[in-house]
């Protein structure tokens, strides 16, 4: 059995990026999106810092939190060989109703790939939130170029942030 990480959120969080379950590199490092070929942090830093290189994991997390963006995974636990979402069995969802009760200002959920969306939807539907499914930042999902993924993620963040006004 493998276990996901605690949510990365604070009272400023309005947007929640939801993955499926941390991969092997992330579990080993105990950091979200730690696999060096995953494009998540590159996309975030290109969009929000003009491409500045992150200093460390705390810098990555702070870059998100100060913009009202949190992180969590759809699943709390599962069985999985390797890191591929297709190998997940015995999935158990995280307690999103409790999270949304504690952080009621979260209004938009951005799903990092189809698997994250499917696991969440099976358990919670839309949970009364705006839901946007984006291409996975995993290198296993190479049907879109980095530039295409970055543009889609940037548009989703812009839309979510526009809901604040």
N, C-alpha and C. Protein backbone atom coordinates (compact mmCIF):
# COMPACT_ATOMS: atom_id res chain seq x y z
N UNK A 1 0.86 -1.18 0.00
CA UNK A 1 0.00 0.00 0.00
C UNK A 1 0.90 1.24 0.00
N UNK A 2 0.57 2.21 -0.83
CA UNK A 2 1.29 3.48 -0.81
C UNK A 2 0.33 4.58 -0.39
N UNK A 3 0.90 5.65 0.15
CA UNK A 3 0.12 6.73 0.74
C UNK A 3 0.52 8.06 0.11
N UNK A 4 -0.47 8.90 -0.11
CA UNK A 4 -0.19 10.22 -0.66
C UNK A 4 0.29 11.16 0.45
N UNK A 5 0.62 12.37 0.05
CA UNK A 5 1.10 13.38 0.99
C UNK A 5 -0.05 14.18 1.57
N UNK A 6 0.19 14.90 2.66
CA UNK A 6 -0.82 15.82 3.15
C UNK A 6 -1.05 16.93 2.13
N UNK A 7 -2.20 17.58 2.20
CA UNK A 7 -2.44 18.68 1.26
C UNK A 7 -1.50 19.86 1.56
N UNK A 8 -1.16 20.57 0.50
CA UNK A 8 -0.41 21.82 0.62
C UNK A 8 -1.42 22.92 0.32
N UNK A 9 -1.97 23.50 1.38
CA UNK A 9 -2.98 24.55 1.24
C UNK A 9 -2.83 25.52 2.41
N UNK A 10 -3.40 26.69 2.23
CA UNK A 10 -3.50 27.63 3.34
C UNK A 10 -4.78 28.45 3.15
N UNK A 11 -5.01 29.40 4.01
CA UNK A 11 -6.27 30.16 3.95
C UNK A 11 -6.37 31.02 2.70
N UNK A 12 -5.26 31.25 2.00
CA UNK A 12 -5.28 32.01 0.75
C UNK A 12 -5.63 31.14 -0.45
N UNK A 13 -5.63 29.83 -0.29
CA UNK A 13 -5.83 28.91 -1.42
C UNK A 13 -7.22 29.06 -2.00
N UNK A 14 -7.25 29.29 -3.32
CA UNK A 14 -8.51 29.40 -4.08
C UNK A 14 -8.56 28.36 -5.18
N UNK A 15 -7.38 27.89 -5.58
CA UNK A 15 -7.23 26.92 -6.66
C UNK A 15 -6.51 25.71 -6.06
N UNK A 16 -6.97 24.51 -6.43
CA UNK A 16 -6.32 23.30 -5.96
C UNK A 16 -5.93 22.46 -7.17
N UNK A 17 -4.63 22.20 -7.31
CA UNK A 17 -4.14 21.29 -8.34
C UNK A 17 -4.18 19.89 -7.76
N UNK A 18 -4.84 18.98 -8.48
CA UNK A 18 -5.03 17.63 -7.98
C UNK A 18 -4.37 16.63 -8.92
N UNK A 19 -3.42 15.88 -8.37
CA UNK A 19 -2.81 14.78 -9.10
C UNK A 19 -3.50 13.48 -8.72
N UNK A 20 -2.99 12.38 -9.20
CA UNK A 20 -3.60 11.09 -8.85
C UNK A 20 -2.96 10.52 -7.58
N UNK A 21 -1.67 10.21 -7.66
CA UNK A 21 -0.90 9.64 -6.54
C UNK A 21 0.57 9.90 -6.85
N UNK A 22 1.38 10.29 -5.85
CA UNK A 22 2.79 10.53 -6.13
C UNK A 22 3.48 9.30 -6.72
N UNK A 23 4.37 9.55 -7.67
CA UNK A 23 5.16 8.49 -8.26
C UNK A 23 6.30 8.08 -7.34
N UNK A 24 7.07 7.08 -7.78
CA UNK A 24 8.14 6.54 -6.94
C UNK A 24 9.16 7.60 -6.55
N UNK A 25 9.58 8.46 -7.49
CA UNK A 25 10.58 9.49 -7.17
C UNK A 25 10.04 10.48 -6.15
N UNK A 26 8.78 10.84 -6.27
CA UNK A 26 8.16 11.77 -5.32
C UNK A 26 8.03 11.13 -3.94
N UNK A 27 7.62 9.87 -3.91
CA UNK A 27 7.50 9.18 -2.63
C UNK A 27 8.85 9.08 -1.93
N UNK A 28 9.89 8.78 -2.71
CA UNK A 28 11.24 8.67 -2.14
C UNK A 28 11.71 10.02 -1.60
N UNK A 29 11.47 11.10 -2.36
CA UNK A 29 11.92 12.43 -1.95
C UNK A 29 10.96 13.09 -0.96
N UNK A 30 9.73 12.55 -0.84
CA UNK A 30 8.68 13.15 -0.02
C UNK A 30 8.38 14.58 -0.47
N UNK A 31 8.29 14.74 -1.80
CA UNK A 31 7.99 16.02 -2.42
C UNK A 31 7.05 15.80 -3.60
N UNK A 32 6.09 16.70 -3.75
CA UNK A 32 5.23 16.66 -4.92
C UNK A 32 6.06 16.88 -6.19
N UNK A 33 5.78 16.08 -7.21
CA UNK A 33 6.37 16.23 -8.54
C UNK A 33 7.90 16.26 -8.50
N UNK A 34 8.50 15.30 -7.81
CA UNK A 34 9.95 15.27 -7.66
C UNK A 34 10.68 14.62 -8.83
N UNK A 35 9.98 13.84 -9.66
CA UNK A 35 10.65 13.18 -10.77
C UNK A 35 11.20 14.23 -11.72
N UNK A 36 12.48 14.15 -12.03
CA UNK A 36 13.16 15.24 -12.75
C UNK A 36 12.59 15.48 -14.15
N UNK A 37 11.91 14.52 -14.73
CA UNK A 37 11.34 14.73 -16.07
C UNK A 37 9.87 15.16 -16.04
N UNK A 38 9.28 15.23 -14.86
CA UNK A 38 7.91 15.75 -14.76
C UNK A 38 7.99 17.26 -14.99
N UNK A 39 7.10 17.78 -15.78
CA UNK A 39 7.15 19.19 -16.20
C UNK A 39 6.37 20.14 -15.30
N UNK A 40 5.79 19.63 -14.22
CA UNK A 40 4.93 20.48 -13.40
C UNK A 40 5.64 21.73 -12.90
N UNK A 41 6.78 21.58 -12.24
CA UNK A 41 7.44 22.76 -11.66
C UNK A 41 7.98 23.69 -12.73
N UNK A 42 8.43 23.14 -13.84
CA UNK A 42 8.88 23.99 -14.95
C UNK A 42 7.73 24.85 -15.46
N UNK A 43 6.57 24.24 -15.62
CA UNK A 43 5.39 24.99 -16.07
C UNK A 43 5.04 26.07 -15.06
N UNK A 44 4.99 25.73 -13.79
CA UNK A 44 4.64 26.70 -12.74
C UNK A 44 5.61 27.87 -12.75
N UNK A 45 6.90 27.58 -12.80
CA UNK A 45 7.88 28.65 -12.74
C UNK A 45 7.93 29.46 -14.04
N UNK A 46 7.63 28.84 -15.17
CA UNK A 46 7.53 29.60 -16.41
C UNK A 46 6.34 30.56 -16.36
N UNK A 47 5.22 30.09 -15.86
CA UNK A 47 4.00 30.91 -15.82
C UNK A 47 4.12 32.03 -14.78
N UNK A 48 4.57 31.69 -13.59
CA UNK A 48 4.47 32.63 -12.47
C UNK A 48 5.75 33.39 -12.13
N UNK A 49 6.90 32.95 -12.64
CA UNK A 49 8.14 33.65 -12.29
C UNK A 49 8.98 34.01 -13.51
N UNK A 50 8.41 33.86 -14.69
CA UNK A 50 9.17 34.17 -15.89
C UNK A 50 10.29 33.19 -16.18
N UNK A 51 10.19 32.00 -15.63
CA UNK A 51 11.18 30.96 -15.90
C UNK A 51 12.32 30.88 -14.91
N UNK A 52 12.22 31.62 -13.81
CA UNK A 52 13.24 31.52 -12.77
C UNK A 52 13.36 30.08 -12.29
N UNK A 53 14.56 29.64 -12.02
CA UNK A 53 14.78 28.29 -11.49
C UNK A 53 14.45 28.26 -10.00
N UNK A 54 13.68 27.26 -9.56
CA UNK A 54 13.38 27.17 -8.13
C UNK A 54 14.65 26.91 -7.32
N UNK A 55 14.71 27.53 -6.16
CA UNK A 55 15.87 27.36 -5.28
C UNK A 55 15.84 26.01 -4.57
N UNK A 56 14.67 25.59 -4.14
CA UNK A 56 14.52 24.34 -3.41
C UNK A 56 13.02 24.03 -3.32
N UNK A 57 12.68 22.96 -2.62
CA UNK A 57 11.27 22.55 -2.53
C UNK A 57 10.43 23.61 -1.82
N UNK A 58 10.96 24.22 -0.77
CA UNK A 58 10.21 25.26 -0.06
C UNK A 58 9.89 26.42 -1.00
N UNK A 59 10.81 26.78 -1.87
CA UNK A 59 10.58 27.84 -2.86
C UNK A 59 9.44 27.44 -3.79
N UNK A 60 9.42 26.19 -4.21
CA UNK A 60 8.35 25.69 -5.08
C UNK A 60 6.99 25.84 -4.40
N UNK A 61 6.91 25.36 -3.18
CA UNK A 61 5.64 25.41 -2.44
C UNK A 61 5.23 26.86 -2.19
N UNK A 62 6.14 27.69 -1.77
CA UNK A 62 5.82 29.10 -1.49
C UNK A 62 5.37 29.83 -2.74
N UNK A 63 5.95 29.49 -3.89
CA UNK A 63 5.54 30.11 -5.15
C UNK A 63 4.08 29.83 -5.43
N UNK A 64 3.62 28.63 -5.13
CA UNK A 64 2.21 28.30 -5.31
C UNK A 64 1.33 28.98 -4.26
N UNK A 65 1.69 28.78 -2.99
CA UNK A 65 0.82 29.25 -1.90
C UNK A 65 0.61 30.76 -1.93
N UNK A 66 1.63 31.52 -2.28
CA UNK A 66 1.45 32.98 -2.27
C UNK A 66 0.56 33.44 -3.42
N UNK A 67 0.28 32.55 -4.37
CA UNK A 67 -0.63 32.87 -5.47
C UNK A 67 -2.01 32.24 -5.28
N UNK A 68 -2.23 31.66 -4.11
CA UNK A 68 -3.54 31.07 -3.82
C UNK A 68 -3.75 29.70 -4.42
N UNK A 69 -2.66 29.00 -4.69
CA UNK A 69 -2.73 27.69 -5.32
C UNK A 69 -2.25 26.63 -4.33
N UNK A 70 -3.03 25.56 -4.21
CA UNK A 70 -2.65 24.44 -3.35
C UNK A 70 -2.45 23.17 -4.17
N UNK A 71 -1.99 22.14 -3.50
CA UNK A 71 -1.74 20.83 -4.12
C UNK A 71 -2.31 19.73 -3.24
N UNK A 72 -2.84 18.71 -3.89
CA UNK A 72 -3.19 17.48 -3.21
C UNK A 72 -3.38 16.40 -4.25
N UNK A 73 -3.61 15.19 -3.82
CA UNK A 73 -3.84 14.09 -4.73
C UNK A 73 -5.24 13.54 -4.54
N UNK A 74 -5.80 13.02 -5.62
CA UNK A 74 -7.14 12.45 -5.57
C UNK A 74 -7.20 11.27 -4.60
N UNK A 75 -6.11 10.52 -4.55
CA UNK A 75 -6.11 9.30 -3.74
C UNK A 75 -5.31 9.45 -2.46
N UNK A 76 -5.83 8.86 -1.41
CA UNK A 76 -5.11 8.80 -0.13
C UNK A 76 -4.17 7.60 -0.11
N UNK A 77 -4.67 6.48 -0.62
CA UNK A 77 -3.90 5.24 -0.66
C UNK A 77 -4.26 4.46 -1.91
N UNK A 78 -3.37 3.58 -2.28
CA UNK A 78 -3.64 2.63 -3.36
C UNK A 78 -2.54 1.59 -3.39
N UNK A 79 -2.73 0.61 -4.21
CA UNK A 79 -1.67 -0.34 -4.56
C UNK A 79 -1.20 0.07 -5.95
N UNK A 80 0.10 0.01 -6.19
CA UNK A 80 0.61 0.34 -7.52
C UNK A 80 2.03 -0.19 -7.65
N UNK A 81 2.29 -0.84 -8.76
CA UNK A 81 3.65 -1.23 -9.12
C UNK A 81 4.18 -0.16 -10.06
N UNK A 82 5.34 0.41 -9.74
CA UNK A 82 5.89 1.48 -10.56
C UNK A 82 5.17 2.79 -10.30
N UNK A 83 5.21 3.69 -11.30
CA UNK A 83 4.65 5.03 -11.12
C UNK A 83 3.48 5.32 -12.03
N UNK A 84 3.11 4.40 -12.91
CA UNK A 84 2.06 4.68 -13.89
C UNK A 84 0.67 4.62 -13.27
N UNK A 85 -0.15 5.61 -13.61
CA UNK A 85 -1.53 5.66 -13.11
C UNK A 85 -2.31 4.42 -13.54
N UNK A 86 -1.98 3.88 -14.69
CA UNK A 86 -2.68 2.69 -15.17
C UNK A 86 -2.46 1.46 -14.32
N UNK A 87 -1.46 1.50 -13.45
CA UNK A 87 -1.17 0.36 -12.57
C UNK A 87 -1.82 0.49 -11.20
N UNK A 88 -2.62 1.53 -10.99
CA UNK A 88 -3.26 1.74 -9.68
C UNK A 88 -4.38 0.72 -9.48
N UNK A 89 -4.39 0.13 -8.28
CA UNK A 89 -5.50 -0.74 -7.87
C UNK A 89 -5.83 -0.40 -6.41
N UNK A 90 -7.00 -0.82 -5.98
CA UNK A 90 -7.49 -0.58 -4.62
C UNK A 90 -7.40 0.91 -4.23
N UNK A 91 -7.88 1.80 -5.09
CA UNK A 91 -7.79 3.23 -4.76
C UNK A 91 -8.75 3.63 -3.65
N UNK A 92 -8.27 4.50 -2.75
CA UNK A 92 -9.12 5.09 -1.71
C UNK A 92 -8.92 6.60 -1.78
N UNK A 93 -10.01 7.37 -1.95
CA UNK A 93 -9.86 8.82 -2.13
C UNK A 93 -9.48 9.55 -0.85
N UNK A 94 -8.84 10.70 -1.05
CA UNK A 94 -8.59 11.61 0.06
C UNK A 94 -9.90 12.22 0.53
N UNK A 95 -9.91 12.81 1.71
CA UNK A 95 -11.12 13.37 2.30
C UNK A 95 -11.31 14.83 1.85
N UNK A 96 -11.74 14.98 0.61
CA UNK A 96 -11.96 16.32 0.08
C UNK A 96 -13.10 17.07 0.76
N UNK A 97 -14.19 16.42 1.14
CA UNK A 97 -15.22 17.19 1.85
C UNK A 97 -14.68 17.88 3.11
N UNK A 98 -13.83 17.20 3.87
CA UNK A 98 -13.24 17.83 5.06
C UNK A 98 -12.32 18.97 4.67
N UNK A 99 -11.53 18.79 3.61
CA UNK A 99 -10.63 19.85 3.16
C UNK A 99 -11.43 21.08 2.73
N UNK A 100 -12.49 20.87 1.96
CA UNK A 100 -13.28 22.00 1.48
C UNK A 100 -14.04 22.69 2.62
N UNK A 101 -14.38 21.95 3.64
CA UNK A 101 -15.01 22.56 4.80
C UNK A 101 -14.01 23.44 5.55
N UNK A 102 -12.77 22.97 5.66
CA UNK A 102 -11.74 23.72 6.36
C UNK A 102 -11.24 24.91 5.54
N UNK A 103 -11.25 24.76 4.20
CA UNK A 103 -10.77 25.81 3.29
C UNK A 103 -11.87 26.12 2.27
N UNK A 104 -12.92 26.82 2.71
CA UNK A 104 -14.10 27.01 1.86
C UNK A 104 -13.89 27.95 0.67
N UNK A 105 -12.78 28.65 0.61
CA UNK A 105 -12.55 29.58 -0.49
C UNK A 105 -11.98 28.90 -1.74
N UNK A 106 -11.67 27.61 -1.66
CA UNK A 106 -11.22 26.89 -2.84
C UNK A 106 -12.41 26.77 -3.80
N UNK A 107 -12.27 27.34 -4.99
CA UNK A 107 -13.37 27.34 -5.95
C UNK A 107 -13.07 26.61 -7.25
N UNK A 108 -11.79 26.38 -7.55
CA UNK A 108 -11.43 25.75 -8.82
C UNK A 108 -10.47 24.59 -8.58
N UNK A 109 -10.77 23.48 -9.24
CA UNK A 109 -9.92 22.29 -9.16
C UNK A 109 -9.30 22.07 -10.53
N UNK A 110 -7.97 22.05 -10.58
CA UNK A 110 -7.25 21.78 -11.81
C UNK A 110 -6.66 20.38 -11.70
N UNK A 111 -7.10 19.49 -12.56
CA UNK A 111 -6.67 18.09 -12.50
C UNK A 111 -5.46 17.88 -13.40
N UNK A 112 -4.40 17.35 -12.81
CA UNK A 112 -3.18 17.06 -13.54
C UNK A 112 -3.34 15.69 -14.21
N UNK A 113 -4.08 15.68 -15.29
CA UNK A 113 -4.30 14.46 -16.06
C UNK A 113 -5.66 13.82 -15.85
N UNK A 114 -5.98 12.93 -16.78
CA UNK A 114 -7.28 12.24 -16.80
C UNK A 114 -7.46 11.31 -15.60
N UNK A 115 -6.41 10.64 -15.17
CA UNK A 115 -6.55 9.69 -14.05
C UNK A 115 -6.94 10.42 -12.77
N UNK A 116 -6.33 11.56 -12.51
CA UNK A 116 -6.67 12.33 -11.31
C UNK A 116 -8.15 12.72 -11.35
N UNK A 117 -8.60 13.19 -12.51
CA UNK A 117 -10.00 13.60 -12.66
C UNK A 117 -10.94 12.40 -12.46
N UNK A 118 -10.59 11.28 -13.06
CA UNK A 118 -11.46 10.09 -12.96
C UNK A 118 -11.58 9.61 -11.53
N UNK A 119 -10.49 9.55 -10.80
CA UNK A 119 -10.55 9.09 -9.40
C UNK A 119 -11.37 10.07 -8.55
N UNK A 120 -11.17 11.36 -8.76
CA UNK A 120 -11.93 12.35 -7.99
C UNK A 120 -13.41 12.29 -8.34
N UNK A 121 -13.71 12.27 -9.64
CA UNK A 121 -15.10 12.28 -10.09
C UNK A 121 -15.87 11.06 -9.59
N UNK A 122 -15.21 9.90 -9.58
CA UNK A 122 -15.85 8.68 -9.10
C UNK A 122 -16.31 8.84 -7.65
N UNK A 123 -15.52 9.52 -6.86
CA UNK A 123 -15.83 9.66 -5.43
C UNK A 123 -16.69 10.88 -5.12
N UNK A 124 -16.50 12.00 -5.85
CA UNK A 124 -17.10 13.27 -5.43
C UNK A 124 -17.85 14.03 -6.53
N UNK A 125 -17.91 13.51 -7.73
CA UNK A 125 -18.51 14.28 -8.82
C UNK A 125 -17.68 15.54 -9.06
N UNK A 126 -18.36 16.68 -9.10
CA UNK A 126 -17.65 17.96 -9.24
C UNK A 126 -17.46 18.65 -7.89
N UNK A 127 -18.08 18.13 -6.85
CA UNK A 127 -17.96 18.67 -5.49
C UNK A 127 -18.36 20.15 -5.42
N UNK A 128 -19.19 20.59 -6.35
CA UNK A 128 -19.64 21.98 -6.33
C UNK A 128 -18.56 22.98 -6.73
N UNK A 129 -17.53 22.51 -7.41
CA UNK A 129 -16.40 23.36 -7.80
C UNK A 129 -16.30 23.46 -9.32
N UNK A 130 -15.61 24.47 -9.79
CA UNK A 130 -15.24 24.53 -11.20
C UNK A 130 -14.12 23.53 -11.40
N UNK A 131 -14.28 22.61 -12.34
CA UNK A 131 -13.31 21.54 -12.57
C UNK A 131 -12.75 21.64 -13.98
N UNK A 132 -11.42 21.64 -14.06
CA UNK A 132 -10.73 21.72 -15.35
C UNK A 132 -9.71 20.59 -15.39
N UNK A 133 -9.81 19.75 -16.42
CA UNK A 133 -8.85 18.66 -16.59
C UNK A 133 -7.79 19.10 -17.58
N UNK A 134 -6.55 19.00 -17.17
CA UNK A 134 -5.41 19.44 -17.98
C UNK A 134 -4.55 18.26 -18.38
N UNK A 135 -3.74 18.44 -19.41
CA UNK A 135 -2.84 17.33 -19.77
C UNK A 135 -1.85 17.07 -18.65
N UNK A 136 -1.60 15.82 -18.41
CA UNK A 136 -0.66 15.44 -17.36
C UNK A 136 0.71 16.01 -17.64
N UNK A 137 1.38 16.45 -16.58
CA UNK A 137 2.75 16.95 -16.71
C UNK A 137 3.77 15.82 -16.67
N UNK A 138 3.29 14.60 -16.53
CA UNK A 138 4.17 13.44 -16.49
C UNK A 138 4.80 13.19 -17.86
N UNK A 139 6.05 12.75 -17.90
CA UNK A 139 6.65 12.42 -19.19
C UNK A 139 6.01 11.21 -19.86
N UNK A 140 5.23 10.44 -19.12
CA UNK A 140 4.54 9.30 -19.70
C UNK A 140 3.43 9.76 -20.65
N UNK A 141 3.04 11.00 -20.55
CA UNK A 141 1.98 11.57 -21.40
C UNK A 141 2.60 12.60 -22.33
N UNK A 142 3.11 12.11 -23.44
CA UNK A 142 3.87 12.96 -24.36
C UNK A 142 3.08 13.29 -25.62
N UNK A 143 1.76 13.18 -25.58
CA UNK A 143 0.98 13.47 -26.79
C UNK A 143 0.96 14.96 -27.11
N UNK A 144 1.27 15.80 -26.13
CA UNK A 144 1.35 17.24 -26.34
C UNK A 144 2.77 17.72 -26.04
N UNK A 145 3.18 18.74 -26.78
CA UNK A 145 4.50 19.31 -26.54
C UNK A 145 4.49 20.09 -25.23
N UNK A 146 5.69 20.40 -24.76
CA UNK A 146 5.80 21.23 -23.55
C UNK A 146 5.07 22.55 -23.76
N UNK A 147 5.25 23.19 -24.90
CA UNK A 147 4.62 24.50 -25.15
C UNK A 147 3.10 24.39 -25.14
N UNK A 148 2.55 23.31 -25.71
CA UNK A 148 1.10 23.11 -25.69
C UNK A 148 0.60 22.95 -24.25
N UNK A 149 1.31 22.11 -23.47
CA UNK A 149 0.91 21.91 -22.08
C UNK A 149 0.98 23.22 -21.30
N UNK A 150 2.07 23.95 -21.47
CA UNK A 150 2.25 25.21 -20.75
C UNK A 150 1.11 26.18 -21.08
N UNK A 151 0.75 26.29 -22.35
CA UNK A 151 -0.32 27.19 -22.76
C UNK A 151 -1.66 26.78 -22.12
N UNK A 152 -1.96 25.50 -22.14
CA UNK A 152 -3.22 25.03 -21.54
C UNK A 152 -3.25 25.27 -20.04
N UNK A 153 -2.15 25.00 -19.36
CA UNK A 153 -2.07 25.25 -17.92
C UNK A 153 -2.18 26.75 -17.64
N UNK A 154 -1.49 27.57 -18.42
CA UNK A 154 -1.55 29.01 -18.21
C UNK A 154 -2.97 29.53 -18.40
N UNK A 155 -3.65 29.07 -19.44
CA UNK A 155 -5.04 29.49 -19.68
C UNK A 155 -5.94 29.08 -18.53
N UNK A 156 -5.73 27.88 -17.99
CA UNK A 156 -6.55 27.40 -16.88
C UNK A 156 -6.31 28.25 -15.63
N UNK A 157 -5.06 28.57 -15.35
CA UNK A 157 -4.76 29.43 -14.19
C UNK A 157 -5.38 30.82 -14.39
N UNK A 158 -5.26 31.37 -15.58
CA UNK A 158 -5.83 32.69 -15.85
C UNK A 158 -7.34 32.67 -15.65
N UNK A 159 -7.99 31.62 -16.15
CA UNK A 159 -9.44 31.52 -15.98
C UNK A 159 -9.80 31.41 -14.49
N UNK A 160 -9.10 30.55 -13.78
CA UNK A 160 -9.39 30.36 -12.35
C UNK A 160 -9.16 31.65 -11.57
N UNK A 161 -8.09 32.34 -11.87
CA UNK A 161 -7.79 33.59 -11.17
C UNK A 161 -8.79 34.69 -11.53
N UNK A 162 -9.35 34.62 -12.75
CA UNK A 162 -10.35 35.63 -13.14
C UNK A 162 -11.66 35.47 -12.38
N UNK A 163 -11.89 34.28 -11.83
CA UNK A 163 -13.11 34.04 -11.05
C UNK A 163 -13.09 34.79 -9.73
N UNK A 164 -11.93 35.29 -9.35
CA UNK A 164 -11.78 36.04 -8.10
C UNK A 164 -12.40 37.43 -8.21
N UNK A 165 -12.47 37.96 -9.43
CA UNK A 165 -12.90 39.36 -9.62
C UNK A 165 -14.38 39.49 -9.82
